[in-house]
């Protein structure tokens, strides 16, 4: 399976990017093909309908199209998902992610982290038609966690988070495999019905 991890922070050296790298390491250990889209490096312009940046069609859209599943690693900024994530989703075509699973992962420097999940669950998938997994991950106190490929055995929260991440990525892989069959079903007509209602 091809899994793309999207680091939604547009800060350099962010905790979201650190966690994205942990996720990629774990996916590679599960023998999954992985790609990273780092919104800090991508630096998309603000979305305007019918104005697509050149690197989108040549570099980004093919990566998203070829993916069987996604992990959105989204920091909580002022109680919301960062504008870069919503801007990114605005560029994604309505059939590009259709009927592919997404594991939402939020990142907080403190004890929060639930609001970006609620926001993306409420609005993100309507016209993108991706399938949100029922489970998600929340990384609270992110600076203290996931700082190594292996769990910090002196920090039970870190151990638990590594274990839960391994589990959720296994579920994501299973969803990716099963939904690849669903996308071939002739009853799905994304060309005729490209938008949600």
Foldseek 3Di string as FASTA:
>chain_A
DEEEEEQQDLDPPDLSVLVSVLLVVLVVVVVYHYHYHYLNVVVDDADDPPDDDPCCVVPPLVSLQPHLAYEYEFEQDPLEGDPSVVRVLVPHFLASQALHEYAYEYEELADDTCRHVVVCVVPVCFLNNHHYDPDHHYHHNSVVESPDNDFDVVDVVNVVRNVVSSVVVVVSVVSSVVSVVVVVDPVDDCVVVNGGD
